[in-house]
Amino acid sequence: MVLTQSHYVEKLLKKFNYFYVKLVFTPYDSSIKLKKNLSKGISSHKYSQIIGSLLHLTNFSRPDITYAVGKLGRYTNNPDHSHWIALERVFRYIKGIINYDIHYTCFHVVIEGFSDAN
């Protein structure tokens, strides 16, 4: 079984005008320190739309961008320029891995689940 969302990623990149971007190899640059924006923000509506679309992607087929999207999702109320730069980096990363899939192979018929007691 193969799980892919390459069509969704392509549609997402085109919708937000990030289809023709330079590629990067990591979704998040840890040297950038994101902090709360205390001044006037820029386009929080579009920013939150993008974060929502990326959250959908992380839930179904791209767990590798979960940390970056979760970190950026904290600033949907009032993003500044540094948040947009970090968000663009996620787009540049997913552009490079647009054709990556999750492959499930069938070894055993047993399904295992784990739960935290808390």
PDB file of N, CA and C in Angstrom:
ATOM      1  N   MET A   1       0.844  -1.162   0.000  1.00  0.00           N
ATOM      2  CA  MET A   1       0.000   0.000   0.000  1.00  0.00           C
ATOM      3  C   MET A   1       0.901   1.241   0.000  1.00  0.00           C
ATOM      4  N   VAL A   2       0.554   2.187  -0.809  1.00  0.00           N
ATOM      5  CA  VAL A   2       1.331   3.416  -0.926  1.00  0.00           C
ATOM      6  C   VAL A   2       0.417   4.601  -0.618  1.00  0.00           C
ATOM      7  N   LEU A   3       0.905   5.468   0.250  1.00  0.00           N
ATOM      8  CA  LEU A   3       0.160   6.670   0.610  1.00  0.00           C
ATOM      9  C   LEU A   3       0.911   7.874   0.047  1.00  0.00           C
ATOM     10  N   THR A   4       0.263   8.610  -0.837  1.00  0.00           N
ATOM     11  CA  THR A   4       0.912   9.754  -1.465  1.00  0.00           C
ATOM     12  C   THR A   4      -0.065  10.924  -1.549  1.00  0.00           C
ATOM     13  N   GLN A   5       0.471  12.118  -1.478  1.00  0.00           N
ATOM     14  CA  GLN A   5      -0.337  13.318  -1.666  1.00  0.00           C
ATOM     15  C   GLN A   5       0.392  14.294  -2.591  1.00  0.00           C
ATOM     16  N   SER A   6       1.077  13.770  -3.571  1.00  0.00           N
ATOM     17  CA  SER A   6       1.837  14.637  -4.473  1.00  0.00           C
ATOM     18  C   SER A   6       0.928  15.610  -5.221  1.00  0.00           C
ATOM     19  N   HIS A   7      -0.262  15.162  -5.578  1.00  0.00           N
ATOM     20  CA  HIS A   7      -1.198  16.058  -6.264  1.00  0.00           C
ATOM     21  C   HIS A   7      -1.631  17.203  -5.341  1.00  0.00           C
ATOM     22  N   TYR A   8      -1.901  16.870  -4.079  1.00  0.00           N
ATOM     23  CA  TYR A   8      -2.291  17.895  -3.104  1.00  0.00           C
ATOM     24  C   TYR A   8      -1.150  18.885  -2.868  1.00  0.00           C
ATOM     25  N   VAL A   9       0.083  18.385  -2.768  1.00  0.00           N
ATOM     26  CA  VAL A   9       1.241  19.260  -2.561  1.00  0.00           C
ATOM     27  C   VAL A   9       1.410  20.194  -3.755  1.00  0.00           C
ATOM     28  N   GLU A  10       1.290  19.645  -4.944  1.00  0.00           N
ATOM     29  CA  GLU A  10       1.402  20.478  -6.156  1.00  0.00           C
ATOM     30  C   GLU A  10       0.317  21.555  -6.185  1.00  0.00           C
ATOM     31  N   LYS A  11      -0.895  21.177  -5.865  1.00  0.00           N
ATOM     32  CA  LYS A  11      -2.011  22.126  -5.833  1.00  0.00           C
ATOM     33  C   LYS A  11      -1.775  23.214  -4.779  1.00  0.00           C
ATOM     34  N   LEU A  12      -1.255  22.810  -3.627  1.00  0.00           N
ATOM     35  CA  LEU A  12      -0.960  23.733  -2.545  1.00  0.00           C
ATOM     36  C   LEU A  12       0.131  24.731  -2.940  1.00  0.00           C
ATOM     37  N   LEU A  13       1.190  24.238  -3.550  1.00  0.00           N
ATOM     38  CA  LEU A  13       2.289  25.109  -3.986  1.00  0.00           C
ATOM     39  C   LEU A  13       1.820  26.116  -5.033  1.00  0.00           C
ATOM     40  N   LYS A  14       0.983  25.679  -5.935  1.00  0.00           N
ATOM     41  CA  LYS A  14       0.477  26.584  -6.969  1.00  0.00           C
ATOM     42  C   LYS A  14      -0.516  27.597  -6.394  1.00  0.00           C
ATOM     43  N   LYS A  15      -1.348  27.150  -5.473  1.00  0.00           N
ATOM     44  CA  LYS A  15      -2.351  28.034  -4.888  1.00  0.00           C
ATOM     45  C   LYS A  15      -1.720  29.217  -4.165  1.00  0.00           C
ATOM     46  N   PHE A  16      -0.630  28.972  -3.443  1.00  0.00           N
ATOM     47  CA  PHE A  16       0.008  30.023  -2.671  1.00  0.00           C
ATOM     48  C   PHE A  16       1.257  30.598  -3.356  1.00  0.00           C
ATOM     49  N   ASN A  17       1.416  30.322  -4.655  1.00  0.00           N
ATOM     50  CA  ASN A  17       2.497  30.862  -5.487  1.00  0.00           C
ATOM     51  C   ASN A  17       3.897  30.510  -4.974  1.00  0.00           C
ATOM     52  N   TYR A  18       4.086  29.255  -4.604  1.00  0.00           N
ATOM     53  CA  TYR A  18       5.403  28.776  -4.189  1.00  0.00           C
ATOM     54  C   TYR A  18       5.861  27.600  -5.039  1.00  0.00           C
ATOM     55  N   PHE A  19       5.314  27.458  -6.234  1.00  0.00           N
ATOM     56  CA  PHE A  19       5.666  26.315  -7.068  1.00  0.00           C
ATOM     57  C   PHE A  19       7.065  26.448  -7.667  1.00  0.00           C
ATOM     58  N   TYR A  20       7.465  27.644  -7.999  1.00  0.00           N
ATOM     59  CA  TYR A  20       8.780  27.856  -8.606  1.00  0.00           C
ATOM     60  C   TYR A  20       9.710  28.489  -7.583  1.00  0.00           C
ATOM     61  N   VAL A  21      10.170  27.689  -6.658  1.00  0.00           N
ATOM     62  CA  VAL A  21      11.066  28.161  -5.608  1.00  0.00           C
ATOM     63  C   VAL A  21      12.333  27.318  -5.599  1.00  0.00           C
ATOM     64  N   LYS A  22      13.366  27.876  -5.021  1.00  0.00           N
ATOM     65  CA  LYS A  22      14.623  27.160  -4.866  1.00  0.00           C
ATOM     66  C   LYS A  22      14.461  26.134  -3.740  1.00  0.00           C
ATOM     67  N   LEU A  23      14.989  24.936  -3.932  1.00  0.00           N
ATOM     68  CA  LEU A  23      14.798  23.848  -2.987  1.00  0.00           C
ATOM     69  C   LEU A  23      15.766  23.929  -1.811  1.00  0.00           C
ATOM     70  N   VAL A  24      15.323  23.420  -0.669  1.00  0.00           N
ATOM     71  CA  VAL A  24      16.175  23.255   0.509  1.00  0.00           C
ATOM     72  C   VAL A  24      16.021  21.811   0.989  1.00  0.00           C
ATOM     73  N   PHE A  25      16.941  21.366   1.856  1.00  0.00           N
ATOM     74  CA  PHE A  25      16.948  19.975   2.275  1.00  0.00           C
ATOM     75  C   PHE A  25      16.389  19.738   3.673  1.00  0.00           C
ATOM     76  N   THR A  26      16.051  20.800   4.380  1.00  0.00           N
ATOM     77  CA  THR A  26      15.448  20.665   5.707  1.00  0.00           C
ATOM     78  C   THR A  26      14.245  21.603   5.804  1.00  0.00           C
ATOM     79  N   PRO A  27      13.205  21.199   6.519  1.00  0.00           N
ATOM     80  CA  PRO A  27      12.012  22.042   6.588  1.00  0.00           C
ATOM     81  C   PRO A  27      12.111  23.210   7.566  1.00  0.00           C
ATOM     82  N   TYR A  28      13.106  23.172   8.454  1.00  0.00           N
ATOM     83  CA  TYR A  28      13.188  24.210   9.479  1.00  0.00           C
ATOM     84  C   TYR A  28      14.644  24.534   9.753  1.00  0.00           C
ATOM     85  N   ASP A  29      14.951  25.819   9.853  1.00  0.00           N
ATOM     86  CA  ASP A  29      16.299  26.272  10.177  1.00  0.00           C
ATOM     87  C   ASP A  29      16.349  26.597  11.667  1.00  0.00           C
ATOM     88  N   SER A  30      17.061  25.781  12.429  1.00  0.00           N
ATOM     89  CA  SER A  30      17.076  25.951  13.881  1.00  0.00           C
ATOM     90  C   SER A  30      17.861  27.182  14.330  1.00  0.00           C
ATOM     91  N   SER A  31      18.618  27.797  13.443  1.00  0.00           N
ATOM     92  CA  SER A  31      19.357  29.008  13.819  1.00  0.00           C
ATOM     93  C   SER A  31      18.445  30.235  13.880  1.00  0.00           C
ATOM     94  N   ILE A  32      17.262  30.147  13.279  1.00  0.00           N
ATOM     95  CA  ILE A  32      16.298  31.250  13.333  1.00  0.00           C
ATOM     96  C   ILE A  32      15.493  31.110  14.620  1.00  0.00           C
ATOM     97  N   LYS A  33      15.525  32.129  15.431  1.00  0.00           N
ATOM     98  CA  LYS A  33      14.774  32.129  16.691  1.00  0.00           C
ATOM     99  C   LYS A  33      13.467  32.890  16.488  1.00  0.00           C
ATOM    100  N   LEU A  34      12.381  32.170  16.455  1.00  0.00           N
ATOM    101  CA  LEU A  34      11.075  32.793  16.295  1.00  0.00           C
ATOM    102  C   LEU A  34      10.575  33.269  17.644  1.00  0.00           C
ATOM    103  N   LYS A  35       9.981  34.456  17.650  1.00  0.00           N
ATOM    104  CA  LYS A  35       9.426  34.985  18.892  1.00  0.00           C
ATOM    105  C   LYS A  35       8.121  35.699  18.598  1.00  0.00           C
ATOM    106  N   LYS A  36       7.387  35.968  19.639  1.00  0.00           N
ATOM    107  CA  LYS A  36       6.087  36.621  19.511  1.00  0.00           C
ATOM    108  C   LYS A  36       6.248  38.011  18.897  1.00  0.00           C
ATOM    109  N   ASN A  37       5.390  38.319  17.951  1.00  0.00           N
ATOM    110  CA  ASN A  37       5.402  39.616  17.305  1.00  0.00           C
ATOM    111  C   ASN A  37       4.563  40.590  18.127  1.00  0.00           C
ATOM    112  N   LEU A  38       5.181  41.668  18.571  1.00  0.00           N
ATOM    113  CA  LEU A  38       4.468  42.659  19.373  1.00  0.00           C
ATOM    114  C   LEU A  38       4.034  43.868  18.550  1.00  0.00           C
ATOM    115  N   SER A  39       4.516  43.963  17.329  1.00  0.00           N
ATOM    116  CA  SER A  39       4.123  45.071  16.460  1.00  0.00           C
ATOM    117  C   SER A  39       2.988  44.604  15.543  1.00  0.00           C
ATOM    118  N   LYS A  40       2.680  45.410  14.553  1.00  0.00           N
ATOM    119  CA  LYS A  40       1.613  45.067  13.615  1.00  0.00           C
ATOM    120  C   LYS A  40       2.047  43.882  12.749  1.00  0.00           C
ATOM    121  N   GLY A  41       1.183  42.892  12.646  1.00  0.00           N
ATOM    122  CA  GLY A  41       1.478  41.693  11.872  1.00  0.00           C
ATOM    123  C   GLY A  41       1.173  41.874  10.395  1.00  0.00           C
ATOM    124  N   ILE A  42       1.547  40.861   9.613  1.00  0.00           N
ATOM    125  CA  ILE A  42       1.289  40.890   8.184  1.00  0.00           C
ATOM    126  C   ILE A  42       0.428  39.706   7.776  1.00  0.00           C
ATOM    127  N   SER A  43      -0.713  39.966   7.227  1.00  0.00           N
ATOM    128  CA  SER A  43      -1.619  38.998   6.619  1.00  0.00           C
ATOM    129  C   SER A  43      -1.785  37.711   7.429  1.00  0.00           C
ATOM    130  N   SER A  44      -2.354  37.852   8.602  1.00  0.00           N
ATOM    131  CA  SER A  44      -2.550  36.670   9.441  1.00  0.00           C
ATOM    132  C   SER A  44      -3.591  35.709   8.846  1.00  0.00           C
ATOM    133  N   HIS A  45      -4.511  36.227   8.044  1.00  0.00           N
ATOM    134  CA  HIS A  45      -5.517  35.359   7.417  1.00  0.00           C
ATOM    135  C   HIS A  45      -4.860  34.382   6.442  1.00  0.00           C
ATOM    136  N   LYS A  46      -4.020  34.885   5.561  1.00  0.00           N
ATOM    137  CA  LYS A  46      -3.341  34.021   4.595  1.00  0.00           C
ATOM    138  C   LYS A  46      -2.383  33.070   5.307  1.00  0.00           C
ATOM    139  N   TYR A  47      -1.683  33.573   6.320  1.00  0.00           N
ATOM    140  CA  TYR A  47      -0.756  32.757   7.098  1.00  0.00           C
ATOM    141  C   TYR A  47      -1.500  31.585   7.740  1.00  0.00           C
ATOM    142  N   SER A  48      -2.647  31.845   8.339  1.00  0.00           N
ATOM    143  CA  SER A  48      -3.397  30.772   8.987  1.00  0.00           C
ATOM    144  C   SER A  48      -3.981  29.785   7.968  1.00  0.00           C
ATOM    145  N   GLN A  49      -4.332  30.260   6.777  1.00  0.00           N
ATOM    146  CA  GLN A  49      -4.777  29.362   5.719  1.00  0.00           C
ATOM    147  C   GLN A  49      -3.665  28.393   5.325  1.00  0.00           C
ATOM    148  N   ILE A  50      -2.458  28.926   5.187  1.00  0.00           N
ATOM    149  CA  ILE A  50      -1.324  28.088   4.810  1.00  0.00           C
ATOM    150  C   ILE A  50      -1.009  27.082   5.912  1.00  0.00           C
ATOM    151  N   ILE A  51      -1.006  27.533   7.158  1.00  0.00           N
ATOM    152  CA  ILE A  51      -0.729  26.634   8.281  1.00  0.00           C
ATOM    153  C   ILE A  51      -1.775  25.515   8.333  1.00  0.00           C
ATOM    154  N   GLY A  52      -3.033  25.848   8.128  1.00  0.00           N
ATOM    155  CA  GLY A  52      -4.086  24.835   8.112  1.00  0.00           C
ATOM    156  C   GLY A  52      -3.890  23.812   7.009  1.00  0.00           C
ATOM    157  N   SER A  53      -3.500  24.274   5.828  1.00  0.00           N
ATOM    158  CA  SER A  53      -3.251  23.363   4.712  1.00  0.00           C
ATOM    159  C   SER A  53      -2.054  22.459   4.996  1.00  0.00           C
ATOM    160  N   LEU A  54      -1.025  23.023   5.606  1.00  0.00           N
ATOM    161  CA  LEU A  54       0.160  22.222   5.939  1.00  0.00           C
ATOM    162  C   LEU A  54      -0.142  21.234   7.071  1.00  0.00           C
ATOM    163  N   LEU A  55      -1.005  21.617   8.015  1.00  0.00           N
ATOM    164  CA  LEU A  55      -1.399  20.687   9.078  1.00  0.00           C
ATOM    165  C   LEU A  55      -2.128  19.475   8.495  1.00  0.00           C
ATOM    166  N   HIS A  56      -2.970  19.711   7.511  1.00  0.00           N
ATOM    167  CA  HIS A  56      -3.640  18.601   6.823  1.00  0.00           C
ATOM    168  C   HIS A  56      -2.604  17.664   6.209  1.00  0.00           C
ATOM    169  N   LEU A  57      -1.604  18.245   5.603  1.00  0.00           N
ATOM    170  CA  LEU A  57      -0.547  17.464   4.975  1.00  0.00           C
ATOM    171  C   LEU A  57       0.237  16.652   6.001  1.00  0.00           C
ATOM    172  N   THR A  58       0.540  17.242   7.158  1.00  0.00           N
ATOM    173  CA  THR A  58       1.297  16.521   8.186  1.00  0.00           C
ATOM    174  C   THR A  58       0.487  15.375   8.777  1.00  0.00           C
ATOM    175  N   ASN A  59      -0.822  15.532   8.870  1.00  0.00           N
ATOM    176  CA  ASN A  59      -1.657  14.481   9.454  1.00  0.00           C
ATOM    177  C   ASN A  59      -1.772  13.240   8.586  1.00  0.00           C
ATOM    178  N   PHE A  60      -1.609  13.390   7.281  1.00  0.00           N
ATOM    179  CA  PHE A  60      -1.854  12.259   6.397  1.00  0.00           C
ATOM    180  C   PHE A  60      -0.628  11.666   5.731  1.00  0.00           C
ATOM    181  N   SER A  61       0.350  12.468   5.348  1.00  0.00           N
ATOM    182  CA  SER A  61       1.438  11.851   4.588  1.00  0.00           C
ATOM    183  C   SER A  61       2.814  12.485   4.763  1.00  0.00           C
ATOM    184  N   ARG A  62       2.953  13.556   5.506  1.00  0.00           N
ATOM    185  CA  ARG A  62       4.259  14.204   5.650  1.00  0.00           C
ATOM    186  C   ARG A  62       4.611  14.446   7.112  1.00  0.00           C
ATOM    187  N   PRO A  63       4.901  13.402   7.859  1.00  0.00           N
ATOM    188  CA  PRO A  63       5.259  13.595   9.266  1.00  0.00           C
ATOM    189  C   PRO A  63       6.591  14.318   9.455  1.00  0.00           C
ATOM    190  N   ASP A  64       7.397  14.400   8.404  1.00  0.00           N
ATOM    191  CA  ASP A  64       8.703  15.056   8.501  1.00  0.00           C
ATOM    192  C   ASP A  64       8.603  16.572   8.647  1.00  0.00           C
ATOM    193  N   ILE A  65       7.461  17.169   8.339  1.00  0.00           N
ATOM    194  CA  ILE A  65       7.326  18.620   8.496  1.00  0.00           C
ATOM    195  C   ILE A  65       6.493  18.992   9.721  1.00  0.00           C
ATOM    196  N   THR A  66       6.146  18.010  10.526  1.00  0.00           N
ATOM    197  CA  THR A  66       5.281  18.249  11.680  1.00  0.00           C
ATOM    198  C   THR A  66       5.878  19.237  12.670  1.00  0.00           C
ATOM    199  N   TYR A  67       7.161  19.090  12.978  1.00  0.00           N
ATOM    200  CA  TYR A  67       7.786  20.001  13.944  1.00  0.00           C
ATOM    201  C   TYR A  67       7.753  21.433  13.439  1.00  0.00           C
ATOM    202  N   ALA A  68       8.150  21.645  12.193  1.00  0.00           N
ATOM    203  CA  ALA A  68       8.200  23.000  11.631  1.00  0.00           C
ATOM    204  C   ALA A  68       6.808  23.628  11.580  1.00  0.00           C
ATOM    205  N   VAL A  69       5.823  22.880  11.142  1.00  0.00           N
ATOM    206  CA  VAL A  69       4.465  23.414  11.033  1.00  0.00           C
ATOM    207  C   VAL A  69       3.886  23.681  12.425  1.00  0.00           C
ATOM    208  N   GLY A  70       4.158  22.802  13.373  1.00  0.00           N
ATOM    209  CA  GLY A  70       3.695  23.020  14.734  1.00  0.00           C
ATOM    210  C   GLY A  70       4.304  24.256  15.358  1.00  0.00           C
ATOM    211  N   LYS A  71       5.592  24.448  15.114  1.00  0.00           N
ATOM    212  CA  LYS A  71       6.288  25.627  15.636  1.00  0.00           C
ATOM    213  C   LYS A  71       5.719  26.905  15.009  1.00  0.00           C
ATOM    214  N   LEU A  72       5.500  26.894  13.711  1.00  0.00           N
ATOM    215  CA  LEU A  72       4.968  28.069  13.019  1.00  0.00           C
ATOM    216  C   LEU A  72       3.496  28.304  13.342  1.00  0.00           C
ATOM    217  N   GLY A  73       2.782  27.249  13.681  1.00  0.00           N
ATOM    218  CA  GLY A  73       1.367  27.372  14.015  1.00  0.00           C
ATOM    219  C   GLY A  73       1.123  28.166  15.290  1.00  0.00           C
ATOM    220  N   ARG A  74       2.129  28.318  16.103  1.00  0.00           N
ATOM    221  CA  ARG A  74       1.994  29.096  17.342  1.00  0.00           C
ATOM    222  C   ARG A  74       1.813  30.588  17.073  1.00  0.00           C
ATOM    223  N   TYR A  75       2.160  31.023  15.875  1.00  0.00           N
ATOM    224  CA  TYR A  75       2.162  32.456  15.568  1.00  0.00           C
ATOM    225  C   TYR A  75       1.092  32.849  14.557  1.00  0.00           C
ATOM    226  N   THR A  76       0.023  32.076  14.445  1.00  0.00           N
ATOM    227  CA  THR A  76      -1.009  32.393  13.447  1.00  0.00           C
ATOM    228  C   THR A  76      -1.783  33.662  13.760  1.00  0.00           C
ATOM    229  N   ASN A  77      -1.801  34.062  15.000  1.00  0.00           N
ATOM    230  CA  ASN A  77      -2.545  35.257  15.385  1.00  0.00           C
ATOM    231  C   ASN A  77      -1.887  36.545  14.890  1.00  0.00           C
ATOM    232  N   ASN A  78      -0.560  36.610  14.929  1.00  0.00           N
ATOM    233  CA  ASN A  78       0.132  37.841  14.581  1.00  0.00           C
ATOM    234  C   ASN A  78       1.521  37.550  14.012  1.00  0.00           C
ATOM    235  N   PRO A  79       1.612  37.011  12.785  1.00  0.00           N
ATOM    236  CA  PRO A  79       2.928  36.670  12.220  1.00  0.00           C
ATOM    237  C   PRO A  79       3.688  37.908  11.762  1.00  0.00           C
ATOM    238  N   ASP A  80       5.004  37.821  11.811  1.00  0.00           N
ATOM    239  CA  ASP A  80       5.834  38.895  11.256  1.00  0.00           C
ATOM    240  C   ASP A  80       6.673  38.343  10.108  1.00  0.00           C
ATOM    241  N   HIS A  81       7.615  39.130   9.645  1.00  0.00           N
ATOM    242  CA  HIS A  81       8.414  38.754   8.478  1.00  0.00           C
ATOM    243  C   HIS A  81       9.236  37.491   8.717  1.00  0.00           C
ATOM    244  N   SER A  82       9.777  37.306   9.916  1.00  0.00           N
ATOM    245  CA  SER A  82      10.590  36.110  10.198  1.00  0.00           C
ATOM    246  C   SER A  82       9.743  34.841  10.154  1.00  0.00           C
ATOM    247  N   HIS A  83       8.485  34.941  10.542  1.00  0.00           N
ATOM    248  CA  HIS A  83       7.596  33.784  10.472  1.00  0.00           C
ATOM    249  C   HIS A  83       7.311  33.416   9.016  1.00  0.00           C
ATOM    250  N   TRP A  84       7.139  34.432   8.179  1.00  0.00           N
ATOM    251  CA  TRP A  84       6.910  34.167   6.752  1.00  0.00           C
ATOM    252  C   TRP A  84       8.121  33.529   6.102  1.00  0.00           C
ATOM    253  N   ILE A  85       9.312  33.963   6.475  1.00  0.00           N
ATOM    254  CA  ILE A  85      10.527  33.369   5.915  1.00  0.00           C
ATOM    255  C   ILE A  85      10.623  31.897   6.296  1.00  0.00           C
ATOM    256  N   ALA A  86      10.308  31.586   7.558  1.00  0.00           N
ATOM    257  CA  ALA A  86      10.336  30.194   8.011  1.00  0.00           C
ATOM    258  C   ALA A  86       9.253  29.376   7.305  1.00  0.00           C
ATOM    259  N   LEU A  87       8.098  29.984   7.063  1.00  0.00           N
ATOM    260  CA  LEU A  87       7.018  29.296   6.356  1.00  0.00           C
ATOM    261  C   LEU A  87       7.401  29.024   4.902  1.00  0.00           C
ATOM    262  N   GLU A  88       8.055  29.979   4.275  1.00  0.00           N
ATOM    263  CA  GLU A  88       8.525  29.783   2.909  1.00  0.00           C
ATOM    264  C   GLU A  88       9.538  28.651   2.830  1.00  0.00           C
ATOM    265  N   ARG A  89      10.339  28.492   3.880  1.00  0.00           N
ATOM    266  CA  ARG A  89      11.307  27.395   3.899  1.00  0.00           C
ATOM    267  C   ARG A  89      10.596  26.037   3.879  1.00  0.00           C
ATOM    268  N   VAL A  90       9.477  25.928   4.583  1.00  0.00           N
ATOM    269  CA  VAL A  90       8.706  24.684   4.560  1.00  0.00           C
ATOM    270  C   VAL A  90       8.221  24.402   3.143  1.00  0.00           C
ATOM    271  N   PHE A  91       7.735  25.428   2.457  1.00  0.00           N
ATOM    272  CA  PHE A  91       7.302  25.256   1.067  1.00  0.00           C
ATOM    273  C   PHE A  91       8.462  24.852   0.169  1.00  0.00           C
ATOM    274  N   ARG A  92       9.616  25.449   0.374  1.00  0.00           N
ATOM    275  CA  ARG A  92      10.786  25.094  -0.429  1.00  0.00           C
ATOM    276  C   ARG A  92      11.199  23.644  -0.184  1.00  0.00           C
ATOM    277  N   TYR A  93      11.007  23.176   1.049  1.00  0.00           N
ATOM    278  CA  TYR A  93      11.327  21.792   1.381  1.00  0.00           C
ATOM    279  C   TYR A  93      10.337  20.823   0.734  1.00  0.00           C
ATOM    280  N   ILE A  94       9.033  21.093   0.876  1.00  0.00           N
ATOM    281  CA  ILE A  94       8.059  20.152   0.316  1.00  0.00           C
ATOM    282  C   ILE A  94       8.066  20.149  -1.208  1.00  0.00           C
ATOM    283  N   LYS A  95       8.539  21.233  -1.808  1.00  0.00           N
ATOM    284  CA  LYS A  95       8.698  21.239  -3.268  1.00  0.00           C
ATOM    285  C   LYS A  95       9.736  20.197  -3.678  1.00  0.00           C
ATOM    286  N   GLY A  96      10.787  20.054  -2.877  1.00  0.00           N
ATOM    287  CA  GLY A  96      11.838  19.087  -3.185  1.00  0.00           C
ATOM    288  C   GLY A  96      11.438  17.643  -2.937  1.00  0.00           C
ATOM    289  N   ILE A  97      10.454  17.420  -2.073  1.00  0.00           N
ATOM    290  CA  ILE A  97      10.040  16.046  -1.757  1.00  0.00           C
ATOM    291  C   ILE A  97       8.622  15.777  -2.244  1.00  0.00           C
ATOM    292  N   ILE A  98       8.213  16.462  -3.273  1.00  0.00           N
ATOM    293  CA  ILE A  98       6.827  16.379  -3.754  1.00  0.00           C
ATOM    294  C   ILE A  98       6.438  14.954  -4.147  1.00  0.00           C
ATOM    295  N   ASN A  99       7.369  14.158  -4.614  1.00  0.00           N
ATOM    296  CA  ASN A  99       7.052  12.805  -5.066  1.00  0.00           C
ATOM    297  C   ASN A  99       7.364  11.726  -4.037  1.00  0.00           C
ATOM    298  N   TYR A 100       7.663  12.095  -2.808  1.00  0.00           N
ATOM    299  CA  TYR A 100       7.917  11.110  -1.761  1.00  0.00           C
ATOM    300  C   TYR A 100       6.595  10.479  -1.324  1.00  0.00           C
ATOM    301  N   ASP A 101       6.653   9.192  -1.033  1.00  0.00           N
ATOM    302  CA  ASP A 101       5.471   8.443  -0.627  1.00  0.00           C
ATOM    303  C   ASP A 101       5.761   7.714   0.679  1.00  0.00           C
ATOM    304  N   ILE A 102       4.719   7.261   1.329  1.00  0.00           N
ATOM    305  CA  ILE A 102       4.846   6.359   2.461  1.00  0.00           C
ATOM    306  C   ILE A 102       4.409   4.987   1.979  1.00  0.00           C
ATOM    307  N   HIS A 103       5.309   4.022   2.090  1.00  0.00           N
ATOM    308  CA  HIS A 103       5.042   2.658   1.636  1.00  0.00           C
ATOM    309  C   HIS A 103       4.786   1.757   2.841  1.00  0.00           C
ATOM    310  N   TYR A 104       3.685   1.052   2.806  1.00  0.00           N
ATOM    311  CA  TYR A 104       3.366   0.066   3.827  1.00  0.00           C
ATOM    312  C   TYR A 104       3.507  -1.316   3.199  1.00  0.00           C
ATOM    313  N   THR A 105       4.317  -2.153   3.824  1.00  0.00           N
ATOM    314  CA  THR A 105       4.481  -3.508   3.325  1.00  0.00           C
ATOM    315  C   THR A 105       3.772  -4.473   4.257  1.00  0.00           C
ATOM    316  N   CYS A 106       3.396  -5.581   3.745  1.00  0.00           N
ATOM    317  CA  CYS A 106       2.625  -6.549   4.516  1.00  0.00           C
ATOM    318  C   CYS A 106       3.532  -7.687   4.965  1.00  0.00           C
ATOM    319  N   PHE A 107       3.975  -7.633   6.199  1.00  0.00           N
ATOM    320  CA  PHE A 107       4.745  -8.729   6.763  1.00  0.00           C
ATOM    321  C   PHE A 107       3.854  -9.625   7.609  1.00  0.00           C
ATOM    322  N   HIS A 108       3.115  -9.031   8.500  1.00  0.00           N
ATOM    323  CA  HIS A 108       2.243  -9.775   9.393  1.00  0.00           C
ATOM    324  C   HIS A 108       0.830  -9.194   9.294  1.00  0.00           C
ATOM    325  N   VAL A 109      -0.112 -10.000   9.664  1.00  0.00           N
ATOM    326  CA  VAL A 109      -1.490  -9.564   9.637  1.00  0.00           C
ATOM    327  C   VAL A 109      -1.873  -8.923  10.975  1.00  0.00           C
ATOM    328  N   VAL A 110      -0.938  -8.824  11.891  1.00  0.00           N
ATOM    329  CA  VAL A 110      -1.200  -8.298  13.218  1.00  0.00           C
ATOM    330  C   VAL A 110      -1.034  -6.775  13.214  1.00  0.00           C
ATOM    331  N   ILE A 111      -2.005  -6.084  13.769  1.00  0.00           N
ATOM    332  CA  ILE A 111      -1.908  -4.641  13.932  1.00  0.00           C
ATOM    333  C   ILE A 111      -1.613  -4.365  15.393  1.00  0.00           C
ATOM    334  N   GLU A 112      -0.544  -3.607  15.655  1.00  0.00           N
ATOM    335  CA  GLU A 112      -0.169  -3.295  17.018  1.00  0.00           C
ATOM    336  C   GLU A 112      -0.465  -1.827  17.304  1.00  0.00           C
ATOM    337  N   GLY A 113      -0.929  -1.556  18.499  1.00  0.00           N
ATOM    338  CA  GLY A 113      -1.197  -0.188  18.906  1.00  0.00           C
ATOM    339  C   GLY A 113      -0.597   0.082  20.274  1.00  0.00           C
ATOM    340  N   PHE A 114      -0.269   1.315  20.528  1.00  0.00           N
ATOM    341  CA  PHE A 114       0.311   1.715  21.793  1.00  0.00           C
ATOM    342  C   PHE A 114      -0.485   2.883  22.348  1.00  0.00           C
ATOM    343  N   SER A 115      -0.554   2.942  23.663  1.00  0.00           N
ATOM    344  CA  SER A 115      -1.307   3.999  24.308  1.00  0.00           C
ATOM    345  C   SER A 115      -0.548   4.465  25.548  1.00  0.00           C
ATOM    346  N   ASP A 116      -0.647   5.733  25.842  1.00  0.00           N
ATOM    347  CA  ASP A 116      -0.044   6.285  27.042  1.00  0.00           C
ATOM    348  C   ASP A 116      -1.097   6.232  28.142  1.00  0.00           C
ATOM    349  N   ALA A 117      -0.703   5.788  29.317  1.00  0.00           N
ATOM    350  CA  ALA A 117      -1.658   5.626  30.401  1.00  0.00           C
ATOM    351  C   ALA A 117      -2.188   6.965  30.914  1.00  0.00           C
ATOM    352  N   ASN A 118      -1.498   8.055  30.645  1.00  0.00           N
ATOM    353  CA  ASN A 118      -1.960   9.355  31.104  1.00  0.00           C
ATOM    354  C   ASN A 118      -3.124   9.799  30.273  1.00  0.00           C
TER     355      ASN A 118
END
